[in-house]
Amino acid sequence: SKHEVKDRLKATPFHYACDGGHVRVVRLFLSASADMEIQDHVGMTPLMRSSCAGHLQVVRALLGAGCDKNLCDHGGLTALLHASYEGHVEVKSLLV
């Protein structure tokens, strides 16, 4: 679908909405059945990218929609590890 068009880094508009903490846009993608597990060039999912950026409300919306929090990127890191490495304690607590 058109919301899954990827750029040269294999990132979609959904990835960028999660990166930017745009929770309303993220909810629109979720209601349009966007692929919640879609990976970018390093294997990061929208959940991983929002966890890394510390966007608590986006992470909450993604988990509520059923995102798999146990997926790993190409380096073997989960969303929890990304949040931990970046020091996002509240996000980490949602992912434990």
PDB file of N, CA and C in Angstrom:
ATOM      1  N   SER A   1       0.828  -1.188   0.000  1.00  0.00           N
ATOM      2  CA  SER A   1       0.000   0.000   0.000  1.00  0.00           C
ATOM      3  C   SER A   1       0.867   1.245   0.000  1.00  0.00           C
ATOM      4  N   LYS A   2       0.255   2.382  -0.244  1.00  0.00           N
ATOM      5  CA  LYS A   2       1.046   3.602  -0.403  1.00  0.00           C
ATOM      6  C   LYS A   2       1.714   4.075   0.884  1.00  0.00           C
ATOM      7  N   HIS A   3       1.194   3.712   2.067  1.00  0.00           N
ATOM      8  CA  HIS A   3       1.862   4.130   3.293  1.00  0.00           C
ATOM      9  C   HIS A   3       3.052   3.237   3.626  1.00  0.00           C
ATOM     10  N   GLU A   4       3.304   2.216   2.802  1.00  0.00           N
ATOM     11  CA  GLU A   4       4.459   1.357   3.011  1.00  0.00           C
ATOM     12  C   GLU A   4       5.550   1.594   1.974  1.00  0.00           C
ATOM     13  N   VAL A   5       5.491   2.707   1.251  1.00  0.00           N
ATOM     14  CA  VAL A   5       6.548   3.090   0.327  1.00  0.00           C
ATOM     15  C   VAL A   5       7.804   3.348   1.151  1.00  0.00           C
ATOM     16  N   LYS A   6       8.938   2.813   0.691  1.00  0.00           N
ATOM     17  CA  LYS A   6      10.182   2.948   1.448  1.00  0.00           C
ATOM     18  C   LYS A   6      11.148   3.903   0.761  1.00  0.00           C
ATOM     19  N   ASP A   7      11.932   4.609   1.574  1.00  0.00           N
ATOM     20  CA  ASP A   7      12.983   5.463   1.034  1.00  0.00           C
ATOM     21  C   ASP A   7      14.269   4.640   0.883  1.00  0.00           C
ATOM     22  N   ARG A   8      15.382   5.303   0.601  1.00  0.00           N
ATOM     23  CA  ARG A   8      16.639   4.574   0.370  1.00  0.00           C
ATOM     24  C   ARG A   8      17.128   3.831   1.614  1.00  0.00           C
ATOM     25  N   LEU A   9      16.642   4.209   2.785  1.00  0.00           N
ATOM     26  CA  LEU A   9      16.989   3.528   4.032  1.00  0.00           C
ATOM     27  C   LEU A   9      15.935   2.495   4.427  1.00  0.00           C
ATOM     28  N   LYS A  10      15.031   2.211   3.483  1.00  0.00           N
ATOM     29  CA  LYS A  10      13.931   1.261   3.676  1.00  0.00           C
ATOM     30  C   LYS A  10      12.984   1.679   4.792  1.00  0.00           C
ATOM     31  N   ALA A  11      12.949   2.973   5.076  1.00  0.00           N
ATOM     32  CA  ALA A  11      12.029   3.495   6.090  1.00  0.00           C
ATOM     33  C   ALA A  11      10.754   3.976   5.407  1.00  0.00           C
ATOM     34  N   THR A  12       9.650   3.820   6.098  1.00  0.00           N
ATOM     35  CA  THR A  12       8.341   4.218   5.586  1.00  0.00           C
ATOM     36  C   THR A  12       7.870   5.489   6.297  1.00  0.00           C
ATOM     37  N   PRO A  13       6.813   6.110   5.788  1.00  0.00           N
ATOM     38  CA  PRO A  13       6.224   7.234   6.522  1.00  0.00           C
ATOM     39  C   PRO A  13       5.813   6.836   7.948  1.00  0.00           C
ATOM     40  N   PHE A  14       5.417   5.593   8.131  1.00  0.00           N
ATOM     41  CA  PHE A  14       5.058   5.093   9.460  1.00  0.00           C
ATOM     42  C   PHE A  14       6.274   5.146  10.397  1.00  0.00           C
ATOM     43  N   HIS A  15       7.436   4.701   9.901  1.00  0.00           N
ATOM     44  CA  HIS A  15       8.667   4.803  10.695  1.00  0.00           C
ATOM     45  C   HIS A  15       8.907   6.249  11.127  1.00  0.00           C
ATOM     46  N   TYR A  16       8.782   7.178  10.178  1.00  0.00           N
ATOM     47  CA  TYR A  16       9.077   8.584  10.472  1.00  0.00           C
ATOM     48  C   TYR A  16       8.066   9.197  11.440  1.00  0.00           C
ATOM     49  N   ALA A  17       6.810   8.769  11.351  1.00  0.00           N
ATOM     50  CA  ALA A  17       5.809   9.249  12.313  1.00  0.00           C
ATOM     51  C   ALA A  17       6.173   8.778  13.720  1.00  0.00           C
ATOM     52  N   CYS A  18       6.667   7.556  13.819  1.00  0.00           N
ATOM     53  CA  CYS A  18       7.088   7.014  15.119  1.00  0.00           C
ATOM     54  C   CYS A  18       8.338   7.717  15.631  1.00  0.00           C
ATOM     55  N   ASP A  19       9.301   7.957  14.741  1.00  0.00           N
ATOM     56  CA  ASP A  19      10.528   8.690  15.106  1.00  0.00           C
ATOM     57  C   ASP A  19      10.203  10.058  15.683  1.00  0.00           C
ATOM     58  N   GLY A  20       9.234  10.718  15.061  1.00  0.00           N
ATOM     59  CA  GLY A  20       8.915  12.092  15.433  1.00  0.00           C
ATOM     60  C   GLY A  20       7.950  12.228  16.592  1.00  0.00           C
ATOM     61  N   GLY A  21       7.433  11.107  17.072  1.00  0.00           N
ATOM     62  CA  GLY A  21       6.509  11.157  18.199  1.00  0.00           C
ATOM     63  C   GLY A  21       5.125  11.659  17.844  1.00  0.00           C
ATOM     64  N   HIS A  22       4.742  11.504  16.591  1.00  0.00           N
ATOM     65  CA  HIS A  22       3.450  12.001  16.109  1.00  0.00           C
ATOM     66  C   HIS A  22       2.356  10.962  16.370  1.00  0.00           C
ATOM     67  N   VAL A  23       1.873  10.922  17.597  1.00  0.00           N
ATOM     68  CA  VAL A  23       0.962   9.858  18.022  1.00  0.00           C
ATOM     69  C   VAL A  23      -0.338   9.850  17.222  1.00  0.00           C
ATOM     70  N   ARG A  24      -0.871  11.001  16.866  1.00  0.00           N
ATOM     71  CA  ARG A  24      -2.119  11.021  16.072  1.00  0.00           C
ATOM     72  C   ARG A  24      -1.899  10.409  14.696  1.00  0.00           C
ATOM     73  N   VAL A  25      -0.769  10.720  14.091  1.00  0.00           N
ATOM     74  CA  VAL A  25      -0.450  10.152  12.775  1.00  0.00           C
ATOM     75  C   VAL A  25      -0.222   8.650  12.905  1.00  0.00           C
ATOM     76  N   VAL A  26       0.460   8.244  13.954  1.00  0.00           N
ATOM     77  CA  VAL A  26       0.689   6.818  14.198  1.00  0.00           C
ATOM     78  C   VAL A  26      -0.647   6.093  14.324  1.00  0.00           C
ATOM     79  N   ARG A  27      -1.585   6.677  15.056  1.00  0.00           N
ATOM     80  CA  ARG A  27      -2.912   6.046  15.198  1.00  0.00           C
ATOM     81  C   ARG A  27      -3.631   5.942  13.854  1.00  0.00           C
ATOM     82  N   LEU A  28      -3.442   6.937  12.985  1.00  0.00           N
ATOM     83  CA  LEU A  28      -4.030   6.862  11.639  1.00  0.00           C
ATOM     84  C   LEU A  28      -3.439   5.692  10.863  1.00  0.00           C
ATOM     85  N   PHE A  29      -2.124   5.541  10.924  1.00  0.00           N
ATOM     86  CA  PHE A  29      -1.492   4.401  10.251  1.00  0.00           C
ATOM     87  C   PHE A  29      -2.012   3.086  10.815  1.00  0.00           C
ATOM     88  N   LEU A  30      -2.144   3.001  12.125  1.00  0.00           N
ATOM     89  CA  LEU A  30      -2.648   1.775  12.743  1.00  0.00           C
ATOM     90  C   LEU A  30      -4.078   1.486  12.310  1.00  0.00           C
ATOM     91  N   SER A  31      -4.909   2.521  12.237  1.00  0.00           N
ATOM     92  CA  SER A  31      -6.303   2.312  11.811  1.00  0.00           C
ATOM     93  C   SER A  31      -6.390   1.940  10.336  1.00  0.00           C
ATOM     94  N   ALA A  32      -5.351   2.287   9.566  1.00  0.00           N
ATOM     95  CA  ALA A  32      -5.302   1.920   8.145  1.00  0.00           C
ATOM     96  C   ALA A  32      -4.593   0.582   7.940  1.00  0.00           C
ATOM     97  N   SER A  33      -4.378  -0.144   9.025  1.00  0.00           N
ATOM     98  CA  SER A  33      -3.742  -1.469   8.998  1.00  0.00           C
ATOM     99  C   SER A  33      -2.322  -1.448   8.445  1.00  0.00           C
ATOM    100  N   ALA A  34      -1.557  -0.433   8.811  1.00  0.00           N
ATOM    101  CA  ALA A  34      -0.146  -0.390   8.413  1.00  0.00           C
ATOM    102  C   ALA A  34       0.583  -1.590   9.014  1.00  0.00           C
ATOM    103  N   ASP A  35       1.602  -2.055   8.330  1.00  0.00           N
ATOM    104  CA  ASP A  35       2.413  -3.173   8.804  1.00  0.00           C
ATOM    105  C   ASP A  35       3.206  -2.720  10.031  1.00  0.00           C
ATOM    106  N   MET A  36       2.832  -3.211  11.190  1.00  0.00           N
ATOM    107  CA  MET A  36       3.461  -2.784  12.443  1.00  0.00           C
ATOM    108  C   MET A  36       4.862  -3.355  12.619  1.00  0.00           C
ATOM    109  N   GLU A  37       5.193  -4.394  11.878  1.00  0.00           N
ATOM    110  CA  GLU A  37       6.487  -5.056  12.042  1.00  0.00           C
ATOM    111  C   GLU A  37       7.449  -4.739  10.898  1.00  0.00           C
ATOM    112  N   ILE A  38       7.101  -3.788  10.034  1.00  0.00           N
ATOM    113  CA  ILE A  38       7.934  -3.453   8.883  1.00  0.00           C
ATOM    114  C   ILE A  38       9.302  -2.958   9.362  1.00  0.00           C
ATOM    115  N   GLN A  39      10.363  -3.432   8.698  1.00  0.00           N
ATOM    116  CA  GLN A  39      11.723  -3.119   9.133  1.00  0.00           C
ATOM    117  C   GLN A  39      12.426  -2.180   8.163  1.00  0.00           C
ATOM    118  N   ASP A  40      13.269  -1.315   8.718  1.00  0.00           N
ATOM    119  CA  ASP A  40      14.088  -0.428   7.890  1.00  0.00           C
ATOM    120  C   ASP A  40      15.397  -1.146   7.522  1.00  0.00           C
ATOM    121  N   HIS A  41      16.374  -0.421   7.005  1.00  0.00           N
ATOM    122  CA  HIS A  41      17.617  -1.022   6.509  1.00  0.00           C
ATOM    123  C   HIS A  41      18.460  -1.704   7.585  1.00  0.00           C
ATOM    124  N   VAL A  42      18.257  -1.371   8.833  1.00  0.00           N
ATOM    125  CA  VAL A  42      18.985  -2.043   9.918  1.00  0.00           C
ATOM    126  C   VAL A  42      18.068  -2.949  10.739  1.00  0.00           C
ATOM    127  N   GLY A  43      16.857  -3.161  10.230  1.00  0.00           N
ATOM    128  CA  GLY A  43      15.922  -4.082  10.869  1.00  0.00           C
ATOM    129  C   GLY A  43      15.074  -3.484  11.966  1.00  0.00           C
ATOM    130  N   MET A  44      15.098  -2.154  12.085  1.00  0.00           N
ATOM    131  CA  MET A  44      14.298  -1.527  13.145  1.00  0.00           C
ATOM    132  C   MET A  44      12.840  -1.381  12.721  1.00  0.00           C
ATOM    133  N   THR A  45      11.952  -1.764  13.618  1.00  0.00           N
ATOM    134  CA  THR A  45      10.514  -1.626  13.408  1.00  0.00           C
ATOM    135  C   THR A  45      10.070  -0.252  13.919  1.00  0.00           C
ATOM    136  N   PRO A  46       8.844   0.157  13.606  1.00  0.00           N
ATOM    137  CA  PRO A  46       8.334   1.407  14.175  1.00  0.00           C
ATOM    138  C   PRO A  46       8.403   1.429  15.707  1.00  0.00           C
ATOM    139  N   LEU A  47       8.134   0.305  16.356  1.00  0.00           N
ATOM    140  CA  LEU A  47       8.217   0.248  17.819  1.00  0.00           C
ATOM    141  C   LEU A  47       9.647   0.488  18.298  1.00  0.00           C
ATOM    142  N   MET A  48      10.608  -0.119  17.642  1.00  0.00           N
ATOM    143  CA  MET A  48      12.006   0.082  18.023  1.00  0.00           C
ATOM    144  C   MET A  48      12.413   1.542  17.859  1.00  0.00           C
ATOM    145  N   ARG A  49      12.002   2.140  16.745  1.00  0.00           N
ATOM    146  CA  ARG A  49      12.396   3.527  16.485  1.00  0.00           C
ATOM    147  C   ARG A  49      11.755   4.490  17.483  1.00  0.00           C
ATOM    148  N   SER A  50      10.496   4.255  17.834  1.00  0.00           N
ATOM    149  CA  SER A  50       9.856   5.138  18.819  1.00  0.00           C
ATOM    150  C   SER A  50      10.420   4.894  20.218  1.00  0.00           C
ATOM    151  N   SER A  51      10.801   3.663  20.518  1.00  0.00           N
ATOM    152  CA  SER A  51      11.420   3.346  21.810  1.00  0.00           C
ATOM    153  C   SER A  51      12.783   4.013  21.929  1.00  0.00           C
ATOM    154  N   CYS A  52      13.544   3.967  20.864  1.00  0.00           N
ATOM    155  CA  CYS A  52      14.868   4.587  20.822  1.00  0.00           C
ATOM    156  C   CYS A  52      14.765   6.104  21.003  1.00  0.00           C
ATOM    157  N   ALA A  53      13.716   6.691  20.450  1.00  0.00           N
ATOM    158  CA  ALA A  53      13.515   8.140  20.531  1.00  0.00           C
ATOM    159  C   ALA A  53      12.827   8.571  21.828  1.00  0.00           C
ATOM    160  N   GLY A  54      12.314   7.611  22.586  1.00  0.00           N
ATOM    161  CA  GLY A  54      11.693   7.933  23.871  1.00  0.00           C
ATOM    162  C   GLY A  54      10.282   8.479  23.795  1.00  0.00           C
ATOM    163  N   HIS A  55       9.551   8.117  22.753  1.00  0.00           N
ATOM    164  CA  HIS A  55       8.189   8.629  22.578  1.00  0.00           C
ATOM    165  C   HIS A  55       7.177   7.704  23.262  1.00  0.00           C
ATOM    166  N   LEU A  56       6.935   7.990  24.523  1.00  0.00           N
ATOM    167  CA  LEU A  56       6.102   7.155  25.385  1.00  0.00           C
ATOM    168  C   LEU A  56       4.705   6.919  24.817  1.00  0.00           C
ATOM    169  N   GLN A  57       4.022   7.970  24.377  1.00  0.00           N
ATOM    170  CA  GLN A  57       2.648   7.826  23.871  1.00  0.00           C
ATOM    171  C   GLN A  57       2.602   6.988  22.598  1.00  0.00           C
ATOM    172  N   VAL A  58       3.608   7.131  21.743  1.00  0.00           N
ATOM    173  CA  VAL A  58       3.665   6.325  20.518  1.00  0.00           C
ATOM    174  C   VAL A  58       3.896   4.864  20.883  1.00  0.00           C
ATOM    175  N   VAL A  59       4.825   4.613  21.780  1.00  0.00           N
ATOM    176  CA  VAL A  59       5.092   3.240  22.217  1.00  0.00           C
ATOM    177  C   VAL A  59       3.827   2.630  22.812  1.00  0.00           C
ATOM    178  N   ARG A  60       3.127   3.382  23.630  1.00  0.00           N
ATOM    179  CA  ARG A  60       1.882   2.900  24.237  1.00  0.00           C
ATOM    180  C   ARG A  60       0.849   2.554  23.150  1.00  0.00           C
ATOM    181  N   ALA A  61       0.708   3.406  22.144  1.00  0.00           N
ATOM    182  CA  ALA A  61      -0.249   3.158  21.052  1.00  0.00           C
ATOM    183  C   ALA A  61       0.133   1.908  20.263  1.00  0.00           C
ATOM    184  N   LEU A  62       1.417   1.752  19.975  1.00  0.00           N
ATOM    185  CA  LEU A  62       1.874   0.588  19.212  1.00  0.00           C
ATOM    186  C   LEU A  62       1.668  -0.704  19.996  1.00  0.00           C
ATOM    187  N   LEU A  63       2.007  -0.687  21.268  1.00  0.00           N
ATOM    188  CA  LEU A  63       1.793  -1.882  22.096  1.00  0.00           C
ATOM    189  C   LEU A  63       0.309  -2.205  22.219  1.00  0.00           C
ATOM    190  N   GLY A  64      -0.517  -1.175  22.364  1.00  0.00           N
ATOM    191  CA  GLY A  64      -1.961  -1.370  22.446  1.00  0.00           C
ATOM    192  C   GLY A  64      -2.549  -1.967  21.184  1.00  0.00           C
ATOM    193  N   ALA A  65      -1.891  -1.699  20.054  1.00  0.00           N
ATOM    194  CA  ALA A  65      -2.345  -2.243  18.773  1.00  0.00           C
ATOM    195  C   ALA A  65      -1.804  -3.647  18.523  1.00  0.00           C
ATOM    196  N   GLY A  66      -0.958  -4.121  19.429  1.00  0.00           N
ATOM    197  CA  GLY A  66      -0.465  -5.489  19.314  1.00  0.00           C
ATOM    198  C   GLY A  66       0.900  -5.662  18.685  1.00  0.00           C
ATOM    199  N   CYS A  67       1.718  -4.622  18.665  1.00  0.00           N
ATOM    200  CA  CYS A  67       3.077  -4.756  18.130  1.00  0.00           C
ATOM    201  C   CYS A  67       3.855  -5.808  18.911  1.00  0.00           C
ATOM    202  N   ASP A  68       4.683  -6.546  18.200  1.00  0.00           N
ATOM    203  CA  ASP A  68       5.532  -7.555  18.830  1.00  0.00           C
ATOM    204  C   ASP A  68       6.758  -6.868  19.429  1.00  0.00           C
ATOM    205  N   LYS A  69       6.816  -6.786  20.735  1.00  0.00           N
ATOM    206  CA  LYS A  69       7.920  -6.098  21.411  1.00  0.00           C
ATOM    207  C   LYS A  69       9.174  -6.959  21.505  1.00  0.00           C
ATOM    208  N   ASN A  70       9.081  -8.211  21.094  1.00  0.00           N
ATOM    209  CA  ASN A  70      10.216  -9.127  21.205  1.00  0.00           C
ATOM    210  C   ASN A  70      11.016  -9.291  19.920  1.00  0.00           C
ATOM    211  N   LEU A  71      10.621  -8.598  18.854  1.00  0.00           N
ATOM    212  CA  LEU A  71      11.390  -8.681  17.609  1.00  0.00           C
ATOM    213  C   LEU A  71      12.761  -8.058  17.810  1.00  0.00           C
ATOM    214  N   CYS A  72      13.744  -8.548  17.038  1.00  0.00           N
ATOM    215  CA  CYS A  72      15.109  -8.016  17.094  1.00  0.00           C
ATOM    216  C   CYS A  72      15.471  -7.369  15.765  1.00  0.00           C
ATOM    217  N   ASP A  73      16.293  -6.328  15.838  1.00  0.00           N
ATOM    218  CA  ASP A  73      16.819  -5.723  14.613  1.00  0.00           C
ATOM    219  C   ASP A  73      18.001  -6.567  14.125  1.00  0.00           C
ATOM    220  N   HIS A  74      18.684  -6.118  13.069  1.00  0.00           N
ATOM    221  CA  HIS A  74      19.781  -6.907  12.501  1.00  0.00           C
ATOM    222  C   HIS A  74      20.954  -7.069  13.466  1.00  0.00           C
ATOM    223  N   GLY A  75      21.041  -6.216  14.468  1.00  0.00           N
ATOM    224  CA  GLY A  75      22.097  -6.319  15.475  1.00  0.00           C
ATOM    225  C   GLY A  75      21.688  -7.122  16.699  1.00  0.00           C
ATOM    226  N   GLY A  76      20.459  -7.656  16.679  1.00  0.00           N
ATOM    227  CA  GLY A  76      19.973  -8.470  17.790  1.00  0.00           C
ATOM    228  C   GLY A  76      19.335  -7.685  18.923  1.00  0.00           C
ATOM    229  N   LEU A  77      19.056  -6.394  18.692  1.00  0.00           N
ATOM    230  CA  LEU A  77      18.478  -5.555  19.742  1.00  0.00           C
ATOM    231  C   LEU A  77      16.955  -5.490  19.641  1.00  0.00           C
ATOM    232  N   THR A  78      16.302  -5.533  20.785  1.00  0.00           N
ATOM    233  CA  THR A  78      14.848  -5.378  20.868  1.00  0.00           C
ATOM    234  C   THR A  78      14.509  -3.917  21.169  1.00  0.00           C
ATOM    235  N   ALA A  79      13.233  -3.603  21.141  1.00  0.00           N
ATOM    236  CA  ALA A  79      12.780  -2.257  21.509  1.00  0.00           C
ATOM    237  C   ALA A  79      13.193  -1.932  22.943  1.00  0.00           C
ATOM    238  N   LEU A  80      13.105  -2.907  23.836  1.00  0.00           N
ATOM    239  CA  LEU A  80      13.506  -2.714  25.231  1.00  0.00           C
ATOM    240  C   LEU A  80      14.982  -2.325  25.337  1.00  0.00           C
ATOM    241  N   LEU A  81      15.830  -3.010  24.598  1.00  0.00           N
ATOM    242  CA  LEU A  81      17.261  -2.696  24.643  1.00  0.00           C
ATOM    243  C   LEU A  81      17.542  -1.307  24.080  1.00  0.00           C
ATOM    244  N   HIS A  82      16.842  -0.943  23.002  1.00  0.00           N
ATOM    245  CA  HIS A  82      17.019   0.406  22.445  1.00  0.00           C
ATOM    246  C   HIS A  82      16.624   1.463  23.477  1.00  0.00           C
ATOM    247  N   ALA A  83      15.488   1.280  24.130  1.00  0.00           N
ATOM    248  CA  ALA A  83      15.042   2.235  25.150  1.00  0.00           C
ATOM    249  C   ALA A  83      16.033   2.287  26.312  1.00  0.00           C
ATOM    250  N   SER A  84      16.542   1.132  26.710  1.00  0.00           N
ATOM    251  CA  SER A  84      17.503   1.061  27.816  1.00  0.00           C
ATOM    252  C   SER A  84      18.789   1.797  27.476  1.00  0.00           C
ATOM    253  N   TYR A  85      19.335   1.539  26.288  1.00  0.00           N
ATOM    254  CA  TYR A  85      20.586   2.175  25.875  1.00  0.00           C
ATOM    255  C   TYR A  85      20.462   3.688  25.804  1.00  0.00           C
ATOM    256  N   GLU A  86      19.264   4.171  25.452  1.00  0.00           N
ATOM    257  CA  GLU A  86      19.055   5.614  25.321  1.00  0.00           C
ATOM    258  C   GLU A  86      18.601   6.263  26.631  1.00  0.00           C
ATOM    259  N   GLY A  87      18.395   5.451  27.665  1.00  0.00           N
ATOM    260  CA  GLY A  87      18.033   5.985  28.975  1.00  0.00           C
ATOM    261  C   GLY A  87      16.582   6.400  29.133  1.00  0.00           C
ATOM    262  N   HIS A  88      15.697   5.811  28.341  1.00  0.00           N
ATOM    263  CA  HIS A  88      14.275   6.157  28.401  1.00  0.00           C
ATOM    264  C   HIS A  88      13.564   5.217  29.386  1.00  0.00           C
ATOM    265  N   VAL A  89      13.625   5.575  30.649  1.00  0.00           N
ATOM    266  CA  VAL A  89      13.142   4.725  31.740  1.00  0.00           C
ATOM    267  C   VAL A  89      11.645   4.447  31.637  1.00  0.00           C
ATOM    268  N   GLU A  90      10.833   5.459  31.332  1.00  0.00           N
ATOM    269  CA  GLU A  90       9.377   5.247  31.250  1.00  0.00           C
ATOM    270  C   GLU A  90       9.025   4.319  30.097  1.00  0.00           C
ATOM    271  N   VAL A  91       9.690   4.490  28.959  1.00  0.00           N
ATOM    272  CA  VAL A  91       9.455   3.605  27.813  1.00  0.00           C
ATOM    273  C   VAL A  91       9.890   2.193  28.183  1.00  0.00           C
ATOM    274  N   LYS A  92      11.036   2.087  28.805  1.00  0.00           N
ATOM    275  CA  LYS A  92      11.545   0.779  29.233  1.00  0.00           C
ATOM    276  C   LYS A  92      10.523   0.064  30.112  1.00  0.00           C
ATOM    277  N   SER A  93       9.899   0.787  31.034  1.00  0.00           N
ATOM    278  CA  SER A  93       8.927   0.165  31.944  1.00  0.00           C
ATOM    279  C   SER A  93       7.706  -0.373  31.200  1.00  0.00           C
ATOM    280  N   LEU A  94       7.345   0.243  30.085  1.00  0.00           N
ATOM    281  CA  LEU A  94       6.232  -0.272  29.274  1.00  0.00           C
ATOM    282  C   LEU A  94       6.607  -1.561  28.553  1.00  0.00           C
ATOM    283  N   LEU A  95       7.877  -1.709  28.253  1.00  0.00           N
ATOM    284  CA  LEU A  95       8.335  -2.826  27.424  1.00  0.00           C
ATOM    285  C   LEU A  95       8.764  -4.057  28.212  1.00  0.00           C
ATOM    286  N   VAL A  96       8.913  -3.909  29.525  1.00  0.00           N
ATOM    287  CA  VAL A  96       9.372  -5.040  30.358  1.00  0.00           C
ATOM    288  C   VAL A  96       8.278  -6.081  30.472  1.00  0.00           C
TER     289      VAL A  96
END
